Amino acid sequence: MLTKEPRPKLTYADYARTPEGERWELLNGELFISSAAPNMSHQSVQSNLGIRLGNFVNDDRLGWVFFSVTDVVLSDHDTVQPDLVFVSRERRNIITDANIQGSPDLVVEILSPSTASHDWRDKFDLYALHEIREYWLVSPELETIWVFLLVEGVFEEMGIYGENDTLISPTLEGFSLDANEVFSLR
């Protein structure tokens, strides 16, 4: 009887050798290629949300907001490229010239048909495992934002925000956002 030998887990060194110009992520030692460039709705949501988040963080000198494509190296077997990332001043030591080495304070993933299940399942568990404090999932299609906070190693839903709602971040004290502004194509 033939048995399959398990494939060895890939590492950040393997990830670093992926072809330039393609978007890859490394989850639990397995490479995943990201889909084609995000559609305009995705890009608009990323821009609207990133600008508002970035302005708040910059105005109060709280830390840094990064847009994709930014590598976030969570472990030797886990490297992701979230749509938006916030790293607080207190954790600035995880920011290097090449990437972010460790867990950001806040990660935002904007859902698209090709990545939604991956973001809800695989990344949801991965981000909790690596103790990312706050995780937002944003659906341009449903015009909805889910906010999760890590509580005792598990993400708890803090709110679901849609039309006419005001999003409140548990991590960024004082930050609020009119959800209508996120989903507008202004």
N, C-alpha and C. Protein backbone atom coordinates (compact mmCIF):
# COMPACT_ATOMS: atom_id res chain seq x y z
N MET A 1 0.84 -1.17 0.00
CA MET A 1 0.00 0.00 0.00
C MET A 1 0.89 1.25 0.00
N LEU A 2 0.61 2.14 -0.91
CA LEU A 2 1.36 3.38 -1.01
C LEU A 2 0.76 4.43 -0.09
N THR A 3 1.62 5.10 0.63
CA THR A 3 1.15 6.20 1.46
C THR A 3 1.81 7.48 0.99
N LYS A 4 1.04 8.52 1.03
CA LYS A 4 1.56 9.82 0.63
C LYS A 4 2.34 10.43 1.79
N GLU A 5 3.52 10.89 1.49
CA GLU A 5 4.27 11.61 2.51
C GLU A 5 3.73 13.03 2.58
N PRO A 6 3.56 13.53 3.80
CA PRO A 6 3.05 14.91 3.90
C PRO A 6 4.07 15.89 3.32
N ARG A 7 3.53 16.90 2.64
CA ARG A 7 4.41 17.93 2.09
C ARG A 7 4.93 18.79 3.23
N PRO A 8 6.19 19.16 3.16
CA PRO A 8 6.72 20.03 4.21
C PRO A 8 6.07 21.41 4.11
N LYS A 9 5.93 22.05 5.26
CA LYS A 9 5.37 23.40 5.28
C LYS A 9 6.37 24.36 4.67
N LEU A 10 5.85 25.27 3.85
CA LEU A 10 6.69 26.30 3.27
C LEU A 10 6.95 27.38 4.33
N THR A 11 8.00 28.15 4.13
CA THR A 11 8.40 29.18 5.08
C THR A 11 8.40 30.55 4.41
N TYR A 12 8.71 31.57 5.19
CA TYR A 12 8.82 32.91 4.65
C TYR A 12 9.88 32.97 3.55
N ALA A 13 10.96 32.21 3.69
CA ALA A 13 12.00 32.17 2.66
C ALA A 13 11.42 31.69 1.33
N ASP A 14 10.54 30.70 1.36
CA ASP A 14 9.88 30.22 0.13
C ASP A 14 8.96 31.31 -0.42
N TYR A 15 8.22 31.93 0.47
CA TYR A 15 7.32 33.01 0.09
C TYR A 15 8.08 34.14 -0.61
N ALA A 16 9.24 34.48 -0.07
CA ALA A 16 10.05 35.58 -0.62
C ALA A 16 10.53 35.29 -2.04
N ARG A 17 10.50 34.03 -2.45
CA ARG A 17 10.93 33.66 -3.80
C ARG A 17 9.77 33.58 -4.80
N THR A 18 8.58 33.97 -4.41
CA THR A 18 7.45 33.94 -5.35
C THR A 18 7.66 34.99 -6.44
N PRO A 19 7.07 34.77 -7.61
CA PRO A 19 7.28 35.70 -8.73
C PRO A 19 6.82 37.12 -8.41
N GLU A 20 7.65 38.06 -8.79
CA GLU A 20 7.30 39.46 -8.61
C GLU A 20 6.13 39.82 -9.51
N GLY A 21 5.28 40.69 -9.02
CA GLY A 21 4.13 41.10 -9.82
C GLY A 21 2.89 40.28 -9.53
N GLU A 22 3.02 39.20 -8.77
CA GLU A 22 1.87 38.39 -8.37
C GLU A 22 1.70 38.54 -6.87
N ARG A 23 0.45 38.51 -6.41
CA ARG A 23 0.17 38.63 -4.98
C ARG A 23 -0.01 37.24 -4.39
N TRP A 24 0.82 36.92 -3.41
CA TRP A 24 0.78 35.63 -2.74
C TRP A 24 0.57 35.85 -1.25
N GLU A 25 0.02 34.83 -0.59
CA GLU A 25 -0.04 34.79 0.86
C GLU A 25 0.38 33.40 1.29
N LEU A 26 0.91 33.30 2.50
CA LEU A 26 1.38 32.05 3.06
C LEU A 26 0.58 31.78 4.32
N LEU A 27 -0.26 30.74 4.29
CA LEU A 27 -1.10 30.40 5.43
C LEU A 27 -0.80 28.98 5.87
N ASN A 28 -0.35 28.86 7.10
CA ASN A 28 -0.03 27.56 7.66
C ASN A 28 0.92 26.77 6.75
N GLY A 29 1.89 27.47 6.18
CA GLY A 29 2.90 26.82 5.37
C GLY A 29 2.48 26.47 3.96
N GLU A 30 1.33 26.98 3.51
CA GLU A 30 0.84 26.71 2.16
C GLU A 30 0.66 28.03 1.41
N LEU A 31 1.18 28.08 0.17
CA LEU A 31 1.07 29.30 -0.64
C LEU A 31 -0.28 29.39 -1.33
N PHE A 32 -0.85 30.59 -1.31
CA PHE A 32 -2.10 30.87 -2.01
C PHE A 32 -1.85 32.10 -2.87
N ILE A 33 -2.23 32.02 -4.14
CA ILE A 33 -2.12 33.19 -4.99
C ILE A 33 -3.41 33.99 -4.86
N SER A 34 -3.26 35.29 -4.74
CA SER A 34 -4.43 36.15 -4.66
C SER A 34 -5.02 36.32 -6.05
N SER A 35 -6.26 36.72 -6.07
CA SER A 35 -6.96 36.86 -7.34
C SER A 35 -6.47 38.10 -8.09
N ALA A 36 -7.10 38.34 -9.20
CA ALA A 36 -6.80 39.52 -10.02
C ALA A 36 -7.02 40.79 -9.19
N ALA A 37 -6.64 41.90 -9.75
CA ALA A 37 -6.78 43.18 -9.06
C ALA A 37 -8.23 43.36 -8.58
N PRO A 38 -8.41 43.93 -7.39
CA PRO A 38 -9.75 44.14 -6.87
C PRO A 38 -10.57 45.05 -7.78
N ASN A 39 -11.90 44.83 -7.78
CA ASN A 39 -12.77 45.66 -8.61
C ASN A 39 -12.87 47.07 -8.02
N MET A 40 -13.53 47.95 -8.74
CA MET A 40 -13.59 49.36 -8.35
C MET A 40 -14.36 49.56 -7.04
N SER A 41 -15.36 48.77 -6.79
CA SER A 41 -16.10 48.87 -5.53
C SER A 41 -15.17 48.56 -4.35
N HIS A 42 -14.40 47.51 -4.49
CA HIS A 42 -13.42 47.12 -3.46
C HIS A 42 -12.41 48.25 -3.25
N GLN A 43 -11.90 48.78 -4.35
CA GLN A 43 -10.89 49.84 -4.26
C GLN A 43 -11.46 51.11 -3.63
N SER A 44 -12.70 51.44 -3.97
CA SER A 44 -13.34 52.63 -3.41
C SER A 44 -13.52 52.48 -1.90
N VAL A 45 -13.99 51.31 -1.47
CA VAL A 45 -14.17 51.05 -0.04
C VAL A 45 -12.82 51.13 0.68
N GLN A 46 -11.79 50.54 0.08
CA GLN A 46 -10.46 50.57 0.70
C GLN A 46 -9.96 52.02 0.83
N SER A 47 -10.15 52.80 -0.20
CA SER A 47 -9.71 54.19 -0.18
C SER A 47 -10.50 54.99 0.87
N ASN A 48 -11.83 54.90 0.83
CA ASN A 48 -12.67 55.65 1.78
C ASN A 48 -12.34 55.30 3.22
N LEU A 49 -12.23 54.02 3.49
CA LEU A 49 -11.96 53.55 4.84
C LEU A 49 -10.52 53.90 5.25
N GLY A 50 -9.59 53.66 4.35
CA GLY A 50 -8.18 53.92 4.65
C GLY A 50 -7.89 55.38 4.91
N ILE A 51 -8.51 56.27 4.14
CA ILE A 51 -8.29 57.71 4.33
C ILE A 51 -8.83 58.15 5.69
N ARG A 52 -10.04 57.71 6.03
CA ARG A 52 -10.62 58.12 7.30
C ARG A 52 -9.84 57.54 8.49
N LEU A 53 -9.48 56.28 8.38
CA LEU A 53 -8.70 55.64 9.43
C LEU A 53 -7.31 56.29 9.54
N GLY A 54 -6.68 56.49 8.39
CA GLY A 54 -5.36 57.10 8.37
C GLY A 54 -5.36 58.51 8.93
N ASN A 55 -6.36 59.33 8.56
CA ASN A 55 -6.43 60.70 9.08
C ASN A 55 -6.57 60.70 10.61
N PHE A 56 -7.41 59.83 11.13
CA PHE A 56 -7.61 59.75 12.58
C PHE A 56 -6.30 59.36 13.28
N VAL A 57 -5.66 58.34 12.76
CA VAL A 57 -4.41 57.84 13.36
C VAL A 57 -3.31 58.90 13.26
N ASN A 58 -3.20 59.55 12.11
CA ASN A 58 -2.16 60.57 11.93
C ASN A 58 -2.41 61.81 12.77
N ASP A 59 -3.67 62.27 12.80
CA ASP A 59 -3.99 63.48 13.56
C ASP A 59 -3.63 63.33 15.04
N ASP A 60 -3.86 62.15 15.59
CA ASP A 60 -3.58 61.93 17.01
C ASP A 60 -2.24 61.22 17.23
N ARG A 61 -1.46 61.06 16.15
CA ARG A 61 -0.14 60.41 16.23
C ARG A 61 -0.20 59.08 16.99
N LEU A 62 -1.18 58.25 16.59
CA LEU A 62 -1.40 56.98 17.28
C LEU A 62 -0.54 55.85 16.74
N GLY A 63 -0.06 56.00 15.51
CA GLY A 63 0.72 54.93 14.88
C GLY A 63 0.70 55.08 13.38
N TRP A 64 0.55 53.94 12.68
CA TRP A 64 0.65 53.93 11.22
C TRP A 64 -0.45 53.06 10.63
N VAL A 65 -0.96 53.50 9.47
CA VAL A 65 -1.93 52.73 8.69
C VAL A 65 -1.26 52.39 7.37
N PHE A 66 -1.32 51.12 6.99
CA PHE A 66 -0.74 50.65 5.74
C PHE A 66 -1.83 50.03 4.88
N PHE A 67 -1.74 50.31 3.57
CA PHE A 67 -2.65 49.73 2.58
C PHE A 67 -1.97 48.50 1.98
N SER A 68 -2.77 47.62 1.38
CA SER A 68 -2.16 46.51 0.65
C SER A 68 -1.44 47.13 -0.55
N VAL A 69 -0.39 46.66 -0.98
CA VAL A 69 0.21 45.38 -0.69
C VAL A 69 1.31 45.59 0.35
N THR A 70 1.07 45.12 1.57
CA THR A 70 2.04 45.15 2.65
C THR A 70 2.11 43.75 3.23
N ASP A 71 3.30 43.16 3.25
CA ASP A 71 3.45 41.84 3.86
C ASP A 71 3.40 41.97 5.37
N VAL A 72 2.59 41.12 5.97
CA VAL A 72 2.52 41.00 7.42
C VAL A 72 2.98 39.58 7.75
N VAL A 73 4.17 39.48 8.31
CA VAL A 73 4.76 38.17 8.63
C VAL A 73 4.37 37.83 10.07
N LEU A 74 3.41 36.91 10.19
CA LEU A 74 2.92 36.53 11.51
C LEU A 74 3.77 35.42 12.13
N SER A 75 4.33 34.57 11.28
CA SER A 75 5.23 33.50 11.71
C SER A 75 6.01 33.06 10.48
N ASP A 76 6.90 32.14 10.64
CA ASP A 76 7.67 31.66 9.50
C ASP A 76 6.78 30.96 8.47
N HIS A 77 5.58 30.53 8.90
CA HIS A 77 4.67 29.81 8.01
C HIS A 77 3.42 30.61 7.65
N ASP A 78 3.33 31.86 8.11
CA ASP A 78 2.14 32.66 7.87
C ASP A 78 2.50 34.10 7.50
N THR A 79 2.28 34.44 6.22
CA THR A 79 2.48 35.80 5.73
C THR A 79 1.24 36.20 4.95
N VAL A 80 0.64 37.32 5.33
CA VAL A 80 -0.60 37.78 4.70
C VAL A 80 -0.43 39.19 4.17
N GLN A 81 -1.38 39.60 3.34
CA GLN A 81 -1.40 40.96 2.78
C GLN A 81 -2.81 41.53 2.97
N PRO A 82 -3.13 41.97 4.20
CA PRO A 82 -4.45 42.53 4.45
C PRO A 82 -4.69 43.80 3.64
N ASP A 83 -5.95 44.17 3.48
CA ASP A 83 -6.28 45.38 2.73
C ASP A 83 -5.86 46.64 3.49
N LEU A 84 -6.03 46.64 4.80
CA LEU A 84 -5.59 47.75 5.65
C LEU A 84 -5.03 47.18 6.95
N VAL A 85 -4.03 47.86 7.48
CA VAL A 85 -3.37 47.42 8.70
C VAL A 85 -3.08 48.65 9.56
N PHE A 86 -3.36 48.56 10.85
CA PHE A 86 -2.97 49.61 11.80
C PHE A 86 -1.99 49.02 12.80
N VAL A 87 -0.86 49.72 12.96
CA VAL A 87 0.14 49.37 13.97
C VAL A 87 0.28 50.58 14.90
N SER A 88 0.07 50.36 16.19
CA SER A 88 0.16 51.44 17.16
C SER A 88 1.60 51.84 17.42
N ARG A 89 1.77 53.06 17.94
CA ARG A 89 3.10 53.56 18.29
C ARG A 89 3.81 52.61 19.26
N GLU A 90 3.04 52.04 20.17
CA GLU A 90 3.62 51.13 21.15
C GLU A 90 4.22 49.88 20.51
N ARG A 91 3.78 49.54 19.32
CA ARG A 91 4.24 48.32 18.64
C ARG A 91 5.08 48.64 17.40
N ARG A 92 5.60 49.87 17.30
CA ARG A 92 6.34 50.29 16.11
C ARG A 92 7.55 49.40 15.80
N ASN A 93 8.05 48.69 16.82
CA ASN A 93 9.21 47.82 16.61
C ASN A 93 8.93 46.67 15.64
N ILE A 94 7.66 46.39 15.33
CA ILE A 94 7.37 45.30 14.39
C ILE A 94 7.42 45.78 12.93
N ILE A 95 7.57 47.10 12.72
CA ILE A 95 7.64 47.64 11.37
C ILE A 95 9.11 47.66 10.93
N THR A 96 9.38 46.98 9.81
CA THR A 96 10.72 46.98 9.24
C THR A 96 10.66 47.62 7.86
N ASP A 97 11.81 47.82 7.24
CA ASP A 97 11.82 48.36 5.88
C ASP A 97 11.13 47.42 4.90
N ALA A 98 11.23 46.13 5.14
CA ALA A 98 10.71 45.14 4.20
C ALA A 98 9.24 44.79 4.43
N ASN A 99 8.79 44.80 5.70
CA ASN A 99 7.46 44.28 6.01
C ASN A 99 7.11 44.57 7.46
N ILE A 100 6.00 44.01 7.90
CA ILE A 100 5.60 44.06 9.30
C ILE A 100 5.91 42.68 9.87
N GLN A 101 6.69 42.63 10.93
CA GLN A 101 7.12 41.37 11.55
C GLN A 101 6.39 41.19 12.88
N GLY A 102 5.18 40.66 12.81
CA GLY A 102 4.40 40.44 14.02
C GLY A 102 2.96 40.86 13.80
N SER A 103 2.21 40.84 14.88
CA SER A 103 0.78 41.08 14.80
C SER A 103 0.43 42.56 14.94
N PRO A 104 -0.22 43.13 13.91
CA PRO A 104 -0.71 44.50 14.01
C PRO A 104 -1.83 44.59 15.06
N ASP A 105 -2.21 45.80 15.41
CA ASP A 105 -3.30 46.01 16.36
C ASP A 105 -4.67 45.79 15.70
N LEU A 106 -4.77 46.17 14.41
CA LEU A 106 -6.03 46.09 13.69
C LEU A 106 -5.75 45.65 12.26
N VAL A 107 -6.57 44.73 11.75
CA VAL A 107 -6.48 44.28 10.38
C VAL A 107 -7.87 44.39 9.75
N VAL A 108 -7.90 44.89 8.51
CA VAL A 108 -9.15 45.02 7.76
C VAL A 108 -9.03 44.20 6.48
N GLU A 109 -10.01 43.33 6.24
CA GLU A 109 -10.10 42.59 4.98
C GLU A 109 -11.39 43.00 4.30
N ILE A 110 -11.27 43.39 3.03
CA ILE A 110 -12.43 43.75 2.22
C ILE A 110 -12.78 42.54 1.37
N LEU A 111 -13.99 42.06 1.53
CA LEU A 111 -14.41 40.81 0.90
C LEU A 111 -14.62 40.97 -0.60
N SER A 112 -14.21 39.96 -1.32
CA SER A 112 -14.53 39.85 -2.74
C SER A 112 -14.99 38.41 -2.95
N PRO A 113 -15.72 38.14 -4.04
CA PRO A 113 -16.24 36.78 -4.23
C PRO A 113 -15.15 35.70 -4.16
N SER A 114 -13.96 35.99 -4.64
CA SER A 114 -12.92 34.96 -4.67
C SER A 114 -12.20 34.78 -3.33
N THR A 115 -12.34 35.74 -2.40
CA THR A 115 -11.61 35.64 -1.13
C THR A 115 -12.49 35.58 0.11
N ALA A 116 -13.79 35.77 -0.03
CA ALA A 116 -14.67 35.90 1.13
C ALA A 116 -14.59 34.71 2.08
N SER A 117 -14.68 33.50 1.58
CA SER A 117 -14.65 32.34 2.48
C SER A 117 -13.28 32.21 3.15
N HIS A 118 -12.25 32.55 2.43
CA HIS A 118 -10.88 32.53 2.95
C HIS A 118 -10.75 33.54 4.10
N ASP A 119 -11.29 34.75 3.91
CA ASP A 119 -11.22 35.80 4.93
C ASP A 119 -12.05 35.46 6.16
N TRP A 120 -13.23 34.88 5.93
CA TRP A 120 -14.12 34.53 7.04
C TRP A 120 -13.61 33.33 7.83
N ARG A 121 -13.02 32.38 7.17
CA ARG A 121 -12.64 31.13 7.83
C ARG A 121 -11.16 31.10 8.18
N ASP A 122 -10.31 31.01 7.17
CA ASP A 122 -8.88 30.79 7.40
C ASP A 122 -8.22 31.98 8.09
N LYS A 123 -8.44 33.17 7.57
CA LYS A 123 -7.80 34.34 8.16
C LYS A 123 -8.41 34.69 9.51
N PHE A 124 -9.69 34.47 9.66
CA PHE A 124 -10.36 34.72 10.95
C PHE A 124 -9.65 33.92 12.05
N ASP A 125 -9.44 32.63 11.81
CA ASP A 125 -8.76 31.77 12.78
C ASP A 125 -7.29 32.15 12.93
N LEU A 126 -6.64 32.45 11.82
CA LEU A 126 -5.22 32.81 11.84
C LEU A 126 -4.99 34.09 12.64
N TYR A 127 -5.82 35.09 12.42
CA TYR A 127 -5.65 36.36 13.12
C TYR A 127 -5.90 36.20 14.62
N ALA A 128 -6.84 35.37 15.00
CA ALA A 128 -7.07 35.10 16.43
C ALA A 128 -5.87 34.36 17.02
N LEU A 129 -5.38 33.37 16.31
CA LEU A 129 -4.22 32.59 16.77
C LEU A 129 -3.01 33.49 17.02
N HIS A 130 -2.82 34.48 16.16
CA HIS A 130 -1.67 35.38 16.29
C HIS A 130 -1.99 36.65 17.09
N GLU A 131 -3.12 36.62 17.77
CA GLU A 131 -3.50 37.64 18.74
C GLU A 131 -3.57 39.05 18.17
N ILE A 132 -4.14 39.16 16.96
CA ILE A 132 -4.45 40.48 16.42
C ILE A 132 -5.66 40.98 17.20
N ARG A 133 -5.53 42.16 17.73
CA ARG A 133 -6.52 42.66 18.70
C ARG A 133 -7.91 42.89 18.09
N GLU A 134 -7.93 43.46 16.88
CA GLU A 134 -9.22 43.80 16.27
C GLU A 134 -9.19 43.43 14.79
N TYR A 135 -10.32 42.89 14.29
CA TYR A 135 -10.43 42.43 12.90
C TYR A 135 -11.75 42.94 12.34
N TRP A 136 -11.66 43.62 11.18
CA TRP A 136 -12.86 44.07 10.48
C TRP A 136 -12.99 43.30 9.18
N LEU A 137 -14.18 42.83 8.90
CA LEU A 137 -14.52 42.26 7.60
C LEU A 137 -15.52 43.21 6.94
N VAL A 138 -15.24 43.60 5.71
CA VAL A 138 -16.04 44.61 5.03
C VAL A 138 -16.57 44.03 3.72
N SER A 139 -17.88 44.10 3.55
CA SER A 139 -18.51 43.61 2.32
C SER A 139 -19.02 44.78 1.49
N PRO A 140 -18.32 45.11 0.37
CA PRO A 140 -18.84 46.15 -0.51
C PRO A 140 -20.20 45.78 -1.09
N GLU A 141 -20.38 44.49 -1.36
CA GLU A 141 -21.63 44.02 -1.97
C GLU A 141 -22.82 44.21 -1.02
N LEU A 142 -22.65 43.86 0.25
CA LEU A 142 -23.72 43.98 1.24
C LEU A 142 -23.71 45.32 1.96
N GLU A 143 -22.68 46.13 1.68
CA GLU A 143 -22.47 47.41 2.36
C GLU A 143 -22.56 47.23 3.87
N THR A 144 -21.73 46.29 4.35
CA THR A 144 -21.75 45.91 5.76
C THR A 144 -20.31 45.76 6.26
N ILE A 145 -20.10 46.16 7.52
CA ILE A 145 -18.80 46.01 8.18
C ILE A 145 -19.04 45.24 9.49
N TRP A 146 -18.30 44.15 9.66
CA TRP A 146 -18.32 43.38 10.90
C TRP A 146 -17.06 43.72 11.68
N VAL A 147 -17.21 44.06 12.95
CA VAL A 147 -16.07 44.38 13.81
C VAL A 147 -15.96 43.32 14.89
N PHE A 148 -14.75 42.74 15.00
CA PHE A 148 -14.48 41.70 15.99
C PHE A 148 -13.34 42.14 16.89
N LEU A 149 -13.43 41.81 18.15
CA LEU A 149 -12.38 42.11 19.13
C LEU A 149 -11.92 40.80 19.75
N LEU A 150 -10.62 40.66 19.91
CA LEU A 150 -10.06 39.45 20.51
C LEU A 150 -10.28 39.50 22.02
N VAL A 151 -10.99 38.51 22.53
CA VAL A 151 -11.27 38.41 23.96
C VAL A 151 -10.88 37.00 24.39
N GLU A 152 -9.88 36.92 25.23
CA GLU A 152 -9.38 35.63 25.74
C GLU A 152 -9.10 34.65 24.60
N GLY A 153 -8.44 35.15 23.55
CA GLY A 153 -8.00 34.30 22.45
C GLY A 153 -9.04 33.98 21.39
N VAL A 154 -10.23 34.56 21.52
CA VAL A 154 -11.32 34.29 20.57
C VAL A 154 -11.92 35.62 20.11
N PHE A 155 -12.22 35.72 18.82
CA PHE A 155 -12.87 36.94 18.33
C PHE A 155 -14.33 36.96 18.74
N GLU A 156 -14.73 38.07 19.35
CA GLU A 156 -16.13 38.30 19.68
C GLU A 156 -16.64 39.44 18.81
N GLU A 157 -17.83 39.27 18.29
CA GLU A 157 -18.44 40.30 17.46
C GLU A 157 -18.82 41.49 18.31
N MET A 158 -18.28 42.65 17.94
CA MET A 158 -18.57 43.89 18.67
C MET A 158 -19.67 44.70 18.00
N GLY A 159 -19.88 44.45 16.71
CA GLY A 159 -20.92 45.18 16.01
C GLY A 159 -20.95 44.84 14.54
N ILE A 160 -22.14 45.03 13.97
CA ILE A 160 -22.35 44.90 12.53
C ILE A 160 -22.90 46.23 12.08
N TYR A 161 -22.21 46.86 11.12
CA TYR A 161 -22.55 48.21 10.72
C TYR A 161 -22.93 48.26 9.25
N GLY A 162 -24.03 48.93 8.98
CA GLY A 162 -24.49 49.10 7.61
C GLY A 162 -25.03 50.51 7.42
N GLU A 163 -25.94 50.63 6.48
CA GLU A 163 -26.50 51.93 6.13
C GLU A 163 -26.98 52.69 7.37
N ASN A 164 -26.57 53.96 7.46
CA ASN A 164 -26.96 54.88 8.54
C ASN A 164 -26.41 54.52 9.92
N ASP A 165 -25.49 53.56 10.00
CA ASP A 165 -24.88 53.19 11.28
C ASP A 165 -23.56 53.93 11.46
N THR A 166 -23.16 54.08 12.71
CA THR A 166 -21.87 54.68 13.04
C THR A 166 -20.99 53.59 13.66
N LEU A 167 -19.91 53.27 12.96
CA LEU A 167 -18.97 52.26 13.42
C LEU A 167 -18.13 52.85 14.55
N ILE A 168 -17.95 52.06 15.61
CA ILE A 168 -17.10 52.43 16.74
C ILE A 168 -16.01 51.36 16.85
N SER A 169 -14.76 51.80 16.95
CA SER A 169 -13.65 50.86 17.11
C SER A 169 -13.33 50.68 18.58
N PRO A 170 -13.31 49.43 19.07
CA PRO A 170 -12.93 49.21 20.45
C PRO A 170 -11.43 49.47 20.70
N THR A 171 -10.61 49.36 19.68
CA THR A 171 -9.17 49.52 19.81
C THR A 171 -8.73 50.98 19.69
N LEU A 172 -9.32 51.69 18.75
CA LEU A 172 -8.95 53.09 18.50
C LEU A 172 -9.92 54.00 19.24
N GLU A 173 -9.60 54.29 20.49
CA GLU A 173 -10.48 55.09 21.32
C GLU A 173 -10.79 56.43 20.65
N GLY A 174 -12.09 56.73 20.54
CA GLY A 174 -12.52 57.98 19.94
C GLY A 174 -12.79 57.89 18.45
N PHE A 175 -12.44 56.77 17.83
CA PHE A 175 -12.66 56.64 16.39
C PHE A 175 -14.09 56.19 16.13
N SER A 176 -14.78 56.94 15.29
CA SER A 176 -16.10 56.55 14.82
C SER A 176 -16.19 56.89 13.34
N LEU A 177 -17.08 56.23 12.66
CA LEU A 177 -17.15 56.36 11.22
C LEU A 177 -18.57 56.12 10.74
N ASP A 178 -19.07 57.01 9.93
CA ASP A 178 -20.38 56.84 9.30
C ASP A 178 -20.23 55.80 8.20
N ALA A 179 -20.89 54.67 8.35
CA ALA A 179 -20.76 53.58 7.38
C ALA A 179 -21.17 54.02 5.97
N ASN A 180 -22.08 54.96 5.87
CA ASN A 180 -22.49 55.44 4.53
C ASN A 180 -21.29 56.01 3.76
N GLU A 181 -20.36 56.66 4.48
CA GLU A 181 -19.20 57.25 3.83
C GLU A 181 -18.24 56.19 3.28
N VAL A 182 -18.24 55.03 3.87
CA VAL A 182 -17.34 53.95 3.43
C VAL A 182 -17.78 53.42 2.07
N PHE A 183 -19.08 53.34 1.86
CA PHE A 183 -19.61 52.68 0.67
C PHE A 183 -20.00 53.66 -0.44
N SER A 184 -19.68 54.93 -0.28
CA SER A 184 -19.99 55.89 -1.33
C SER A 184 -18.88 55.91 -2.38
N LEU A 185 -19.24 56.17 -3.62
CA LEU A 185 -18.26 56.29 -4.71
C LEU A 185 -18.00 57.77 -4.98
N ARG A 186 -17.59 58.50 -3.95
CA ARG A 186 -17.33 59.94 -4.10
C ARG A 186 -15.95 60.19 -4.56
